[in-house]
Amino acid sequence: MLRALGPDDSRPLPAYRVPWRVDGIYDRHPLVTNAGSAPLDFVRVFIDLGRASATEHWGQMPAGDTAEICLCDADPGESIVTIAWFRPEDGEEYLWRFAM
């Protein structure tokens, strides 16, 4: 959930290592793994295929779990994948993008 920042919220948050690992083992089906040590909540994947888009809801992903993304309808080099999740430790939503 987005919220307005007040004057006391202007300090930077501590660094957080992105918990995802992407393996391009298959041509148009990258494998995405939660490589972190904690489960991630309400994981959603937004796929921009250039001329179309899709959303996948993965729910909770425990540490070590892997999911496959289908990019079969994408033009080569035209896919942008955005992963959104919540960390149980702080309840904040995080986003991470990668291109294929």
C-alpha atoms as a PDB file:
ATOM      1  CA  MET A   1       0.000   0.000   0.000  1.00  0.00           C
ATOM      2  CA  LEU A   2       1.330   3.428  -0.902  1.00  0.00           C
ATOM      3  CA  ARG A   3       1.524   6.082   1.775  1.00  0.00           C
ATOM      4  CA  ALA A   4       2.623   9.694   1.890  1.00  0.00           C
ATOM      5  CA  LEU A   5       6.032  10.353   3.406  1.00  0.00           C
ATOM      6  CA  GLY A   6       6.196  12.847   6.236  1.00  0.00           C
ATOM      7  CA  PRO A   7       9.207  14.886   7.370  1.00  0.00           C
ATOM      8  CA  ASP A   8      10.302  12.094   9.729  1.00  0.00           C
ATOM      9  CA  ASP A   9      10.247   9.518   6.900  1.00  0.00           C
ATOM     10  CA  SER A  10      12.950  11.137   4.784  1.00  0.00           C
ATOM     11  CA  ARG A  11      15.747   8.899   6.081  1.00  0.00           C
ATOM     12  CA  PRO A  12      16.845   6.137   3.698  1.00  0.00           C
ATOM     13  CA  LEU A  13      15.829   2.563   4.434  1.00  0.00           C
ATOM     14  CA  PRO A  14      18.586   0.028   5.093  1.00  0.00           C
ATOM     15  CA  ALA A  15      19.798  -1.927   2.073  1.00  0.00           C
ATOM     16  CA  TYR A  16      17.911  -5.131   1.290  1.00  0.00           C
ATOM     17  CA  ARG A  17      19.354  -7.760  -1.035  1.00  0.00           C
ATOM     18  CA  VAL A  18      16.858  -8.789  -3.725  1.00  0.00           C
ATOM     19  CA  PRO A  19      15.943 -12.412  -2.977  1.00  0.00           C
ATOM     20  CA  TRP A  20      15.326 -13.483  -6.580  1.00  0.00           C
ATOM     21  CA  ARG A  21      17.501 -15.538  -8.918  1.00  0.00           C
ATOM     22  CA  VAL A  22      16.568 -15.921 -12.587  1.00  0.00           C
ATOM     23  CA  ASP A  23      17.880 -18.861 -14.581  1.00  0.00           C
ATOM     24  CA  GLY A  24      17.442 -18.781 -18.345  1.00  0.00           C
ATOM     25  CA  ILE A  25      17.762 -22.544 -18.755  1.00  0.00           C
ATOM     26  CA  TYR A  26      14.889 -22.698 -21.241  1.00  0.00           C
ATOM     27  CA  ASP A  27      14.662 -20.286 -24.169  1.00  0.00           C
ATOM     28  CA  ARG A  28      11.332 -18.602 -23.336  1.00  0.00           C
ATOM     29  CA  HIS A  29      10.645 -20.057 -19.894  1.00  0.00           C
ATOM     30  CA  PRO A  30      12.929 -18.456 -17.284  1.00  0.00           C
ATOM     31  CA  LEU A  31      12.948 -20.069 -13.852  1.00  0.00           C
ATOM     32  CA  VAL A  32      12.566 -17.633 -10.948  1.00  0.00           C
ATOM     33  CA  THR A  33      13.747 -18.809  -7.517  1.00  0.00           C
ATOM     34  CA  ASN A  34      13.325 -17.281  -4.089  1.00  0.00           C
ATOM     35  CA  ALA A  35      17.036 -17.457  -3.255  1.00  0.00           C
ATOM     36  CA  GLY A  36      16.556 -15.615   0.036  1.00  0.00           C
ATOM     37  CA  SER A  37      16.352 -17.148   3.489  1.00  0.00           C
ATOM     38  CA  ALA A  38      12.757 -16.095   4.255  1.00  0.00           C
ATOM     39  CA  PRO A  39       9.357 -16.787   2.691  1.00  0.00           C
ATOM     40  CA  LEU A  40       7.855 -13.995   0.614  1.00  0.00           C
ATOM     41  CA  ASP A  41       4.156 -13.126   0.803  1.00  0.00           C
ATOM     42  CA  PHE A  42       1.577 -12.220  -1.867  1.00  0.00           C
ATOM     43  CA  VAL A  43       4.025 -12.601  -4.755  1.00  0.00           C
ATOM     44  CA  ARG A  44       2.675 -11.231  -8.038  1.00  0.00           C
ATOM     45  CA  VAL A  45       4.330 -11.190 -11.439  1.00  0.00           C
ATOM     46  CA  PHE A  46       3.541  -8.578 -14.096  1.00  0.00           C
ATOM     47  CA  ILE A  47       4.693  -9.563 -17.576  1.00  0.00           C
ATOM     48  CA  ASP A  48       4.998  -6.946 -20.326  1.00  0.00           C
ATOM     49  CA  LEU A  49       5.369  -8.760 -23.646  1.00  0.00           C
ATOM     50  CA  GLY A  50       5.626  -5.645 -25.783  1.00  0.00           C
ATOM     51  CA  ARG A  51       2.231  -5.928 -27.451  1.00  0.00           C
ATOM     52  CA  ALA A  52       0.402  -7.670 -24.600  1.00  0.00           C
ATOM     53  CA  SER A  53       0.644  -8.085 -20.854  1.00  0.00           C
ATOM     54  CA  ALA A  54      -0.252 -10.659 -18.223  1.00  0.00           C
ATOM     55  CA  THR A  55      -0.396 -10.934 -14.446  1.00  0.00           C
ATOM     56  CA  GLU A  56       0.302 -14.053 -12.409  1.00  0.00           C
ATOM     57  CA  HIS A  57      -0.463 -14.490  -8.711  1.00  0.00           C
ATOM     58  CA  TRP A  58       1.990 -16.855  -7.040  1.00  0.00           C
ATOM     59  CA  GLY A  59       0.911 -16.291  -3.434  1.00  0.00           C
ATOM     60  CA  GLN A  60       3.503 -17.168  -0.800  1.00  0.00           C
ATOM     61  CA  MET A  61       6.883 -18.456  -1.970  1.00  0.00           C
ATOM     62  CA  PRO A  62       8.976 -20.206   0.667  1.00  0.00           C
ATOM     63  CA  ALA A  63      12.755 -19.897   0.503  1.00  0.00           C
ATOM     64  CA  GLY A  64      14.125 -22.147  -2.238  1.00  0.00           C
ATOM     65  CA  ASP A  65      10.865 -22.382  -4.227  1.00  0.00           C
ATOM     66  CA  THR A  66      11.072 -21.988  -8.011  1.00  0.00           C
ATOM     67  CA  ALA A  67       8.406 -20.925 -10.514  1.00  0.00           C
ATOM     68  CA  GLU A  68       8.461 -20.809 -14.307  1.00  0.00           C
ATOM     69  CA  ILE A  69       7.363 -17.823 -16.398  1.00  0.00           C
ATOM     70  CA  CYS A  70       6.052 -18.408 -19.919  1.00  0.00           C
ATOM     71  CA  LEU A  71       7.254 -15.768 -22.395  1.00  0.00           C
ATOM     72  CA  CYS A  72       6.242 -17.703 -25.524  1.00  0.00           C
ATOM     73  CA  ASP A  73       4.115 -14.843 -26.908  1.00  0.00           C
ATOM     74  CA  ALA A  74       6.907 -12.270 -26.552  1.00  0.00           C
ATOM     75  CA  ASP A  75       9.193 -10.955 -29.238  1.00  0.00           C
ATOM     76  CA  PRO A  76      12.855 -11.745 -28.444  1.00  0.00           C
ATOM     77  CA  GLY A  77      14.343  -9.039 -26.240  1.00  0.00           C
ATOM     78  CA  GLU A  78      10.955  -7.363 -25.703  1.00  0.00           C
ATOM     79  CA  SER A  79       9.876  -8.858 -22.359  1.00  0.00           C
ATOM     80  CA  ILE A  80       9.946  -6.967 -19.076  1.00  0.00           C
ATOM     81  CA  VAL A  81       9.016  -8.877 -15.938  1.00  0.00           C
ATOM     82  CA  THR A  82       8.178  -7.090 -12.677  1.00  0.00           C
ATOM     83  CA  ILE A  83       7.915  -9.086  -9.465  1.00  0.00           C
ATOM     84  CA  ALA A  84       6.076  -7.616  -6.464  1.00  0.00           C
ATOM     85  CA  TRP A  85       6.132  -9.137  -2.967  1.00  0.00           C
ATOM     86  CA  PHE A  86       5.790  -8.374   0.738  1.00  0.00           C
ATOM     87  CA  ARG A  87       8.430  -9.236   3.320  1.00  0.00           C
ATOM     88  CA  PRO A  88       6.948 -10.767   6.474  1.00  0.00           C
ATOM     89  CA  GLU A  89       9.602  -9.004   8.581  1.00  0.00           C
ATOM     90  CA  ASP A  90       8.446  -5.463   7.835  1.00  0.00           C
ATOM     91  CA  GLY A  91       5.174  -5.771   5.876  1.00  0.00           C
ATOM     92  CA  GLU A  92       6.484  -3.449   3.135  1.00  0.00           C
ATOM     93  CA  GLU A  93       5.888  -4.117  -0.555  1.00  0.00           C
ATOM     94  CA  TYR A  94       8.923  -4.456  -2.821  1.00  0.00           C
ATOM     95  CA  LEU A  95       9.265  -4.458  -6.612  1.00  0.00           C
ATOM     96  CA  TRP A  96      12.022  -5.797  -8.845  1.00  0.00           C
ATOM     97  CA  ARG A  97      12.237  -5.803 -12.655  1.00  0.00           C
ATOM     98  CA  PHE A  98      14.261  -7.708 -15.181  1.00  0.00           C
ATOM     99  CA  ALA A  99      14.250  -7.923 -18.966  1.00  0.00           C
ATOM    100  CA  MET A 100      14.486 -10.983 -21.196  1.00  0.00           C
END
